[in-house]
Amino acid sequence: MGSLGAFLKHPDDLYPLLKLKYAVKHAEKQIPPQPHWAFCYSMLHKVSRSFGLVIQQLGPQLRDAVCIFYLVLRALDTVEDDTSISSEVKVPILMEFHRHIYNNSWHFSCGTKEYKILMDGFHHVSNAFLELGKGYQEAIEDITMRMGAGMAKFICKEVESIDDYDEYCHYVAGLVGLGLSKLFHASGAEDLATDALSNSMGLFLQKTNIIRDYLEDINEIPKSRMFWPRQIWSKYVDKLEDLKYEENSAKAVQCLNDMVTNALIHAEDCLKYMSDLRDPANFRFCAIPQIMAIGTLSLCFNNIQVFRGVVKMRRGLTAKIIDRTKTMSDVYGAFFDFSCLLKAKVDHDDPSAKITLSRLEAIQQTCKNSGTLTKSRKSYILENESRYNSVLIAIIFIILAFFYAYLSSNLSNNA
């Protein structure tokens, strides 16, 4: 019923969804025949279908390098995320992980579901890594080493200040941005982006995930995962877990809005990074997740459901973003639209309202200054959405009525 309701409310999602389904099926058929590469690409689609789809649109050599880079870091993240592993065991593995990728006999079983499969078959990832060009190997090893060390540091350290928060996000995501910039440069397709811009690309995505996943992280068994900085949440509650209790709903939403406002500071850097990309496939690979991030922030902002359940984009909207994102003008349009949606939800009595509005207006001004916000563009905000949807729904029901009448007539004739 949920899917039917979403379709009736957004019937224009159908075509992008069908295109996405076909594209995923097509990508799955492109899996290489060699066992180690077959494992890597099949795992890529298991751990992230949409990410796997955009990776497979990259050039052949870069595609393989990014696939392995992603799986190595997913494996590293699986070790960090498994709260059943003691610190005494976990920290040395994180610190040495950059060496393990060269050893196809190394094995450590942890995680659940598809992540356990990834860890159990990690020798396939190592075999594929060893076939990459030396430049790619060195970039992946360097980022893995730095990320593992950073993760190990925060196993024994809580996220207290906003500086701690930025540092943690740098280790687990900003370094991914730096690594991708190195891989793009090694492929010869792009100039080497600055560390500051590359870092912001990762931080914008990571902070969005940390905001969206509050409830899942705080309810983690056997031990909560707490990434929201004390410097922010302590303004609203005594303990981070207090945000999920109904009696603290008003304070929880204010804290949430403060967190979203903090994430928005990276948006302009992300727009600058993407505008500098030359290769269309590299551009789409970077742009789609960034648009989904600001779209997710627009859903989470001022939304108590973040503390009650799962808040995420409907599949049809995700399919639209993947289908529409081809040029920088599409990115400016999407960032402008989602910042407008976010701005409309700002409560002027919210403690963060002034800073939130300032950051949103800066994003909107950057998009306007691009000169690409034409009236003919497809907007994610449909002014006549209800009228448009009503017409489509009426047409669908008329078609169904004719189809029903046709079937009834045939059944009567055959009786």
Protein backbone atom coordinates (compact mmCIF):
# COMPACT_ATOMS: atom_id res chain seq x y z
CA MET A 1 0.00 0.00 0.00
CA GLY A 2 2.86 2.39 0.77
CA SER A 3 4.26 2.06 -2.77
CA LEU A 4 0.80 2.43 -4.31
CA GLY A 5 0.14 5.52 -2.22
CA ALA A 6 3.46 7.05 -3.27
CA PHE A 7 2.69 6.28 -6.93
CA LEU A 8 -0.78 7.83 -6.75
CA LYS A 9 0.66 10.94 -5.11
CA HIS A 10 3.62 11.12 -7.51
CA PRO A 11 2.61 9.30 -10.74
CA ASP A 12 5.42 11.06 -12.63
CA ASP A 13 7.86 8.86 -10.63
CA LEU A 14 6.88 5.83 -12.70
CA TYR A 15 9.00 6.47 -15.80
CA PRO A 16 12.23 7.28 -13.89
CA LEU A 17 11.66 4.22 -11.69
CA LEU A 18 11.30 1.98 -14.73
CA LYS A 19 14.44 3.49 -16.28
CA LEU A 20 16.36 2.96 -13.04
CA LYS A 21 15.20 -0.64 -12.75
CA TYR A 22 16.33 -1.33 -16.32
CA ALA A 23 19.68 0.41 -15.72
CA VAL A 24 20.33 -1.66 -12.58
CA LYS A 25 19.50 -4.90 -14.41
CA HIS A 26 21.77 -3.87 -17.28
CA ALA A 27 24.61 -3.00 -14.88
CA GLU A 28 24.26 -6.36 -13.14
CA LYS A 29 24.73 -8.08 -16.52
CA GLN A 30 28.03 -6.25 -17.02
CA ILE A 31 29.71 -8.06 -14.10
CA PRO A 32 33.17 -9.35 -15.22
CA PRO A 33 33.68 -13.13 -15.59
CA GLN A 34 36.84 -13.42 -13.42
CA PRO A 35 35.84 -14.76 -9.96
CA HIS A 36 37.52 -11.99 -7.93
CA TRP A 37 36.12 -9.19 -10.07
CA ALA A 38 32.71 -10.88 -10.23
CA PHE A 39 32.67 -10.95 -6.41
CA CYS A 40 33.68 -7.28 -6.19
CA TYR A 41 31.06 -5.96 -8.60
CA SER A 42 28.28 -8.20 -7.25
CA MET A 43 29.12 -6.98 -3.72
CA LEU A 44 29.12 -3.40 -4.95
CA HIS A 45 25.50 -3.81 -6.08
CA LYS A 46 24.57 -5.53 -2.80
CA VAL A 47 25.99 -2.83 -0.50
CA SER A 48 24.76 0.10 -2.62
CA ARG A 49 22.69 -0.31 -5.76
CA SER A 50 22.52 3.36 -6.72
CA PHE A 51 26.23 3.91 -5.95
CA GLY A 52 27.10 0.74 -7.89
CA LEU A 53 25.13 2.04 -10.84
CA VAL A 54 26.99 5.36 -11.06
CA ILE A 55 30.38 3.67 -10.51
CA GLN A 56 29.76 1.45 -13.54
CA GLN A 57 29.34 4.54 -15.71
CA LEU A 58 32.96 5.56 -15.08
CA GLY A 59 35.76 4.76 -17.55
CA PRO A 60 37.07 1.13 -17.36
CA GLN A 61 40.29 1.66 -15.36
CA LEU A 62 38.85 4.30 -13.06
CA ARG A 63 35.72 2.19 -12.56
CA ASP A 64 37.77 -0.74 -11.26
CA ALA A 65 39.85 1.52 -8.99
CA VAL A 66 36.79 3.27 -7.51
CA CYS A 67 34.99 -0.07 -7.04
CA ILE A 68 37.92 -1.48 -5.03
CA PHE A 69 38.42 1.80 -3.15
CA TYR A 70 34.75 1.73 -2.12
CA LEU A 71 34.81 -1.94 -1.04
CA VAL A 72 38.07 -1.56 0.93
CA LEU A 73 36.59 1.38 2.85
CA ARG A 74 33.26 -0.46 3.34
CA ALA A 75 35.21 -3.34 4.86
CA LEU A 76 37.16 -0.95 7.10
CA ASP A 77 33.88 0.70 8.10
CA THR A 78 32.36 -2.72 8.87
CA VAL A 79 35.12 -3.37 11.41
CA GLU A 80 34.60 0.06 12.99
CA ASP A 81 30.80 -0.29 13.09
CA ASP A 82 30.71 -3.75 14.72
CA THR A 83 30.10 -2.88 18.37
CA SER A 84 30.50 -6.54 19.40
CA ILE A 85 34.27 -6.35 18.75
CA SER A 86 36.32 -5.26 21.76
CA SER A 87 38.54 -2.19 21.44
CA GLU A 88 41.61 -4.36 22.15
CA VAL A 89 40.87 -6.38 19.00
CA LYS A 90 39.41 -3.61 16.84
CA VAL A 91 42.06 -0.89 17.18
CA PRO A 92 45.03 -2.97 15.85
CA ILE A 93 42.94 -4.14 12.87
CA LEU A 94 41.99 -0.56 11.99
CA MET A 95 45.61 0.56 12.31
CA GLU A 96 46.94 -2.25 10.10
CA PHE A 97 44.12 -2.46 7.54
CA HIS A 98 46.13 -0.67 4.83
CA ARG A 99 48.63 -3.56 4.99
CA HIS A 100 45.93 -6.28 4.95
CA ILE A 101 44.73 -5.18 1.51
CA TYR A 102 48.03 -6.47 0.05
CA ASN A 103 47.57 -9.88 1.74
CA ASN A 104 45.03 -12.09 -0.02
CA SER A 105 45.22 -14.68 2.77
CA TRP A 106 44.14 -12.22 5.49
CA HIS A 107 40.69 -12.87 6.93
CA PHE A 108 38.57 -11.37 9.71
CA SER A 109 34.90 -12.26 10.03
CA CYS A 110 32.58 -9.56 11.38
CA GLY A 111 29.51 -7.53 10.45
CA THR A 112 26.08 -8.81 9.41
CA LYS A 113 24.21 -9.64 6.21
CA GLU A 114 25.97 -8.43 3.03
CA TYR A 115 28.79 -6.87 5.05
CA LYS A 116 29.66 -10.25 6.57
CA ILE A 117 29.76 -11.70 3.04
CA LEU A 118 32.14 -8.88 2.05
CA MET A 119 34.44 -9.59 5.01
CA ASP A 120 34.38 -13.37 4.46
CA GLY A 121 35.29 -12.90 0.79
CA PHE A 122 37.76 -10.07 1.30
CA HIS A 123 40.54 -12.10 -0.37
CA HIS A 124 38.72 -11.43 -3.66
CA VAL A 125 38.96 -7.68 -3.01
CA SER A 126 42.69 -8.06 -2.26
CA ASN A 127 43.25 -10.01 -5.48
CA ALA A 128 41.48 -7.30 -7.48
CA PHE A 129 43.40 -4.54 -5.66
CA LEU A 130 46.71 -6.19 -6.58
CA GLU A 131 45.79 -5.93 -10.28
CA LEU A 132 45.27 -2.14 -10.18
CA GLY A 133 47.87 0.29 -11.47
CA LYS A 134 50.51 1.41 -8.98
CA GLY A 135 49.16 4.99 -8.82
CA TYR A 136 45.71 3.71 -7.86
CA GLN A 137 47.15 1.28 -5.29
CA GLU A 138 49.19 4.00 -3.59
CA ALA A 139 46.20 6.36 -3.39
CA ILE A 140 43.96 3.65 -1.89
CA GLU A 141 46.64 2.52 0.58
CA ASP A 142 47.31 6.09 1.74
CA ILE A 143 43.65 6.91 2.39
CA THR A 144 43.01 3.53 4.05
CA MET A 145 45.97 4.07 6.39
CA ARG A 146 44.85 7.56 7.38
CA MET A 147 41.22 6.55 7.77
CA GLY A 148 42.04 3.49 9.88
CA ALA A 149 44.22 5.59 12.20
CA GLY A 150 41.47 8.19 12.55
CA MET A 151 38.82 5.58 13.28
CA ALA A 152 41.10 3.99 15.89
CA LYS A 153 41.53 7.41 17.54
CA PHE A 154 37.78 7.85 17.93
CA ILE A 155 37.24 4.33 19.29
CA CYS A 156 38.81 5.68 22.48
CA LYS A 157 37.56 9.27 22.16
CA GLU A 158 34.06 10.74 22.24
CA VAL A 159 32.84 13.46 19.89
CA GLU A 160 32.76 16.40 22.28
CA SER A 161 33.29 19.61 20.31
CA ILE A 162 32.30 20.67 16.81
CA ASP A 163 36.01 20.47 15.96
CA ASP A 164 35.96 16.81 17.09
CA TYR A 165 32.89 16.25 14.90
CA ASP A 166 34.61 17.76 11.87
CA GLU A 167 37.74 15.72 12.60
CA TYR A 168 35.80 12.46 12.91
CA CYS A 169 33.88 13.17 9.70
CA HIS A 170 37.17 14.01 7.98
CA TYR A 171 38.60 10.60 8.90
CA VAL A 172 35.57 8.56 7.84
CA ALA A 173 34.38 10.60 4.82
CA GLY A 174 36.53 13.64 4.07
CA LEU A 175 39.41 11.30 3.29
CA VAL A 176 37.13 9.50 0.83
CA GLY A 177 36.77 12.83 -0.98
CA LEU A 178 40.55 13.30 -0.98
CA GLY A 179 41.03 9.74 -2.23
CA LEU A 180 38.55 10.13 -5.08
CA SER A 181 40.23 13.37 -6.14
CA LYS A 182 43.55 11.48 -6.24
CA LEU A 183 42.02 8.66 -8.30
CA PHE A 184 40.43 11.15 -10.74
CA HIS A 185 43.81 12.88 -11.10
CA ALA A 186 45.69 9.59 -11.52
CA SER A 187 43.32 8.66 -14.36
CA GLY A 188 44.33 11.87 -16.20
CA ALA A 189 40.71 13.03 -16.42
CA GLU A 190 40.76 15.82 -13.83
CA ASP A 191 42.98 18.42 -12.23
CA LEU A 192 43.79 17.64 -8.59
CA ALA A 193 41.16 19.37 -6.43
CA THR A 194 42.18 21.14 -3.23
CA ASP A 195 42.04 19.16 0.00
CA ALA A 196 39.56 21.67 1.47
CA LEU A 197 37.01 21.19 -1.34
CA SER A 198 37.52 17.40 -1.44
CA ASN A 199 37.05 17.25 2.34
CA SER A 200 33.78 19.21 2.18
CA MET A 201 32.38 16.76 -0.38
CA GLY A 202 32.84 13.96 2.14
CA LEU A 203 31.70 15.94 5.18
CA PHE A 204 28.43 17.01 3.55
CA LEU A 205 27.51 13.38 2.86
CA GLN A 206 28.70 12.05 6.21
CA LYS A 207 26.95 14.68 8.30
CA THR A 208 23.72 14.02 6.41
CA ASN A 209 24.02 10.29 7.21
CA ILE A 210 24.81 10.96 10.88
CA ILE A 211 21.72 13.20 11.17
CA ARG A 212 19.42 10.77 9.37
CA ASP A 213 20.68 7.70 11.27
CA TYR A 214 20.33 9.10 14.81
CA LEU A 215 17.79 6.52 15.99
CA GLU A 216 19.53 3.52 14.42
CA ASP A 217 22.88 4.56 15.94
CA ILE A 218 21.56 5.36 19.42
CA ASN A 219 19.67 2.04 19.56
CA GLU A 220 22.66 -0.03 18.37
CA ILE A 221 23.19 -3.24 20.36
CA PRO A 222 25.25 -4.03 22.40
CA LYS A 223 26.49 -0.41 22.52
CA SER A 224 25.15 2.89 21.17
CA ARG A 225 27.06 4.72 18.47
CA MET A 226 27.13 8.43 19.30
CA PHE A 227 28.39 10.85 16.67
CA TRP A 228 26.38 14.00 17.38
CA PRO A 229 28.77 16.47 19.09
CA ARG A 230 28.14 17.24 22.76
CA GLN A 231 28.77 20.93 22.02
CA ILE A 232 25.50 20.94 20.04
CA TRP A 233 23.22 18.44 21.83
CA SER A 234 24.12 19.56 25.36
CA LYS A 235 22.36 22.88 24.63
CA TYR A 236 19.07 20.98 24.49
CA VAL A 237 19.25 17.82 26.67
CA ASP A 238 21.38 16.24 29.41
CA LYS A 239 22.11 13.01 27.50
CA LEU A 240 22.16 12.33 23.76
CA GLU A 241 19.66 9.46 24.09
CA ASP A 242 17.15 11.85 25.71
CA LEU A 243 16.39 13.28 22.26
CA LYS A 244 14.39 10.17 21.35
CA TYR A 245 11.91 10.51 24.20
CA GLU A 246 8.55 12.08 23.42
CA GLU A 247 8.66 14.51 26.34
CA ASN A 248 11.74 16.12 24.75
CA SER A 249 10.23 16.49 21.27
CA ALA A 250 10.47 20.29 21.05
CA LYS A 251 14.12 20.32 22.20
CA ALA A 252 14.94 17.37 19.93
CA VAL A 253 13.71 19.21 16.83
CA GLN A 254 15.69 22.32 17.80
CA CYS A 255 18.81 20.18 18.20
CA LEU A 256 18.13 18.49 14.86
CA ASN A 257 17.82 21.87 13.14
CA ASP A 258 21.12 22.94 14.71
CA MET A 259 22.77 19.81 13.28
CA VAL A 260 21.33 20.41 9.79
CA THR A 261 22.50 24.03 9.92
CA ASN A 262 26.01 22.79 10.75
CA ALA A 263 25.96 20.48 7.69
CA LEU A 264 24.85 23.26 5.33
CA ILE A 265 28.15 25.09 5.77
CA HIS A 266 29.75 22.60 3.32
CA ALA A 267 27.23 23.03 0.48
CA GLU A 268 28.95 25.92 -1.30
CA ASP A 269 32.29 24.07 -1.32
CA CYS A 270 30.52 21.08 -2.86
CA LEU A 271 29.06 23.24 -5.62
CA LYS A 272 32.52 24.66 -6.37
CA TYR A 273 34.12 21.16 -6.46
CA MET A 274 31.49 19.82 -8.86
CA SER A 275 31.66 22.87 -11.13
CA ASP A 276 35.39 22.18 -11.67
CA LEU A 277 34.91 18.58 -12.90
CA ARG A 278 35.42 18.04 -16.63
CA ASP A 279 34.54 14.40 -17.29
CA PRO A 280 30.73 13.82 -17.52
CA ALA A 281 30.88 10.37 -15.89
CA ASN A 282 33.02 11.63 -12.99
CA PHE A 283 30.63 14.55 -12.62
CA ARG A 284 27.52 12.35 -12.36
CA PHE A 285 29.30 10.03 -9.96
CA CYS A 286 29.94 12.98 -7.61
CA ALA A 287 26.77 15.00 -8.20
CA ILE A 288 24.05 12.41 -7.62
CA PRO A 289 24.99 11.63 -3.96
CA GLN A 290 25.37 15.37 -3.19
CA ILE A 291 21.87 16.15 -4.49
CA MET A 292 20.49 13.24 -2.51
CA ALA A 293 22.23 14.65 0.57
CA ILE A 294 20.64 18.10 0.38
CA GLY A 295 17.33 16.43 -0.48
CA THR A 296 17.61 14.26 2.63
CA LEU A 297 18.45 17.29 4.78
CA SER A 298 15.30 19.00 3.48
CA LEU A 299 13.30 15.96 4.64
CA CYS A 300 14.99 15.74 8.04
CA PHE A 301 14.86 19.42 8.92
CA ASN A 302 12.26 20.26 11.59
CA ASN A 303 11.03 16.64 11.37
CA ILE A 304 10.40 14.79 14.65
CA GLN A 305 10.24 11.50 12.70
CA VAL A 306 14.07 11.45 12.73
CA PHE A 307 13.71 10.45 16.40
CA ARG A 308 10.83 8.01 15.80
CA GLY A 309 11.77 5.94 12.76
CA VAL A 310 13.37 6.03 9.31
CA VAL A 311 13.37 9.23 7.25
CA LYS A 312 14.52 8.77 3.69
CA MET A 313 13.73 9.82 0.15
CA ARG A 314 11.04 7.92 -1.66
CA ARG A 315 12.44 5.65 -4.37
CA GLY A 316 10.74 7.64 -7.12
CA LEU A 317 12.52 10.84 -6.12
CA THR A 318 15.85 9.02 -6.02
CA ALA A 319 15.15 7.68 -9.52
CA LYS A 320 14.32 11.21 -10.73
CA ILE A 321 17.60 12.57 -9.36
CA ILE A 322 19.60 9.80 -11.07
CA ASP A 323 17.70 10.35 -14.34
CA ARG A 324 17.90 14.16 -14.39
CA THR A 325 21.44 14.81 -13.16
CA LYS A 326 23.60 15.32 -16.24
CA THR A 327 25.09 18.83 -16.09
CA MET A 328 26.08 21.44 -13.52
CA SER A 329 22.90 23.38 -14.31
CA ASP A 330 20.93 20.34 -13.06
CA VAL A 331 22.91 20.48 -9.81
CA TYR A 332 22.32 24.21 -9.32
CA GLY A 333 18.62 23.64 -9.96
CA ALA A 334 18.37 20.78 -7.47
CA PHE A 335 20.33 22.60 -4.74
CA PHE A 336 18.15 25.69 -5.27
CA ASP A 337 14.91 23.68 -5.10
CA PHE A 338 15.83 21.67 -2.01
CA SER A 339 17.15 24.77 -0.23
CA CYS A 340 13.79 26.42 -0.97
CA LEU A 341 11.98 23.43 0.55
CA LEU A 342 14.26 23.62 3.56
CA LYS A 343 13.80 27.38 3.92
CA ALA A 344 10.01 27.00 3.91
CA LYS A 345 10.30 24.77 7.00
CA VAL A 346 12.36 27.21 9.08
CA ASP A 347 10.56 28.30 12.26
CA HIS A 348 11.64 31.87 13.01
CA ASP A 349 11.44 31.08 16.75
CA ASP A 350 13.99 28.28 16.35
CA PRO A 351 17.30 29.11 18.11
CA SER A 352 19.29 28.38 14.91
CA ALA A 353 16.87 30.11 12.52
CA LYS A 354 19.02 33.16 11.75
CA ILE A 355 22.12 31.10 10.87
CA THR A 356 20.04 28.52 8.98
CA LEU A 357 18.44 31.19 6.80
CA SER A 358 21.81 32.87 6.20
CA ARG A 359 23.34 29.61 4.96
CA LEU A 360 20.35 28.74 2.79
CA GLU A 361 20.32 32.20 1.22
CA ALA A 362 24.05 31.86 0.43
CA ILE A 363 23.39 28.53 -1.33
CA GLN A 364 20.47 30.04 -3.26
CA GLN A 365 22.54 33.06 -4.30
CA THR A 366 25.33 30.81 -5.62
CA CYS A 367 22.75 28.90 -7.67
CA LYS A 368 21.20 32.12 -8.99
CA ASN A 369 24.61 33.55 -9.88
CA SER A 370 25.23 30.51 -12.11
CA GLY A 371 22.65 31.92 -14.54
CA THR A 372 21.20 28.43 -15.13
CA LEU A 373 17.90 28.68 -13.23
CA THR A 374 15.73 29.04 -16.33
CA LYS A 375 11.93 28.82 -16.30
CA SER A 376 12.05 25.86 -18.68
CA ARG A 377 14.04 23.62 -16.29
CA LYS A 378 12.41 20.70 -14.51
CA SER A 379 11.89 21.65 -10.89
CA TYR A 380 11.72 19.38 -7.85
CA ILE A 381 9.07 21.79 -6.55
CA LEU A 382 5.94 21.53 -8.68
CA GLU A 383 3.75 24.57 -8.10
CA ASN A 384 0.81 22.82 -9.72
CA GLU A 385 1.70 19.41 -8.32
CA SER A 386 -1.71 18.61 -6.87
CA ARG A 387 -3.51 19.65 -10.08
CA TYR A 388 -0.94 17.80 -12.19
CA ASN A 389 -1.23 14.67 -10.10
CA SER A 390 -5.03 14.82 -10.08
CA VAL A 391 -5.11 14.90 -13.88
CA LEU A 392 -2.70 11.95 -14.13
CA ILE A 393 -4.64 9.94 -11.56
CA ALA A 394 -7.90 10.67 -13.41
CA ILE A 395 -6.33 9.47 -16.67
CA ILE A 396 -5.07 6.30 -14.97
CA PHE A 397 -8.52 5.53 -13.56
CA ILE A 398 -10.17 6.15 -16.95
CA ILE A 399 -7.73 3.70 -18.58
CA LEU A 400 -8.39 1.15 -15.82
CA ALA A 401 -12.14 1.63 -16.25
CA PHE A 402 -11.91 0.97 -19.99
CA PHE A 403 -9.71 -2.06 -19.32
CA TYR A 404 -12.19 -3.42 -16.76
CA ALA A 405 -15.10 -2.87 -19.16
CA TYR A 406 -13.17 -4.67 -21.91
CA LEU A 407 -12.46 -7.67 -19.67
CA SER A 408 -16.07 -7.78 -18.46
CA SER A 409 -17.34 -7.73 -22.04
CA ASN A 410 -15.04 -10.60 -23.05
CA LEU A 411 -16.06 -12.66 -20.03
CA SER A 412 -19.75 -12.11 -20.85
CA ASN A 413 -19.24 -13.17 -24.46
CA ASN A 414 -17.38 -16.32 -23.39
CA ALA A 415 -20.04 -17.30 -20.82
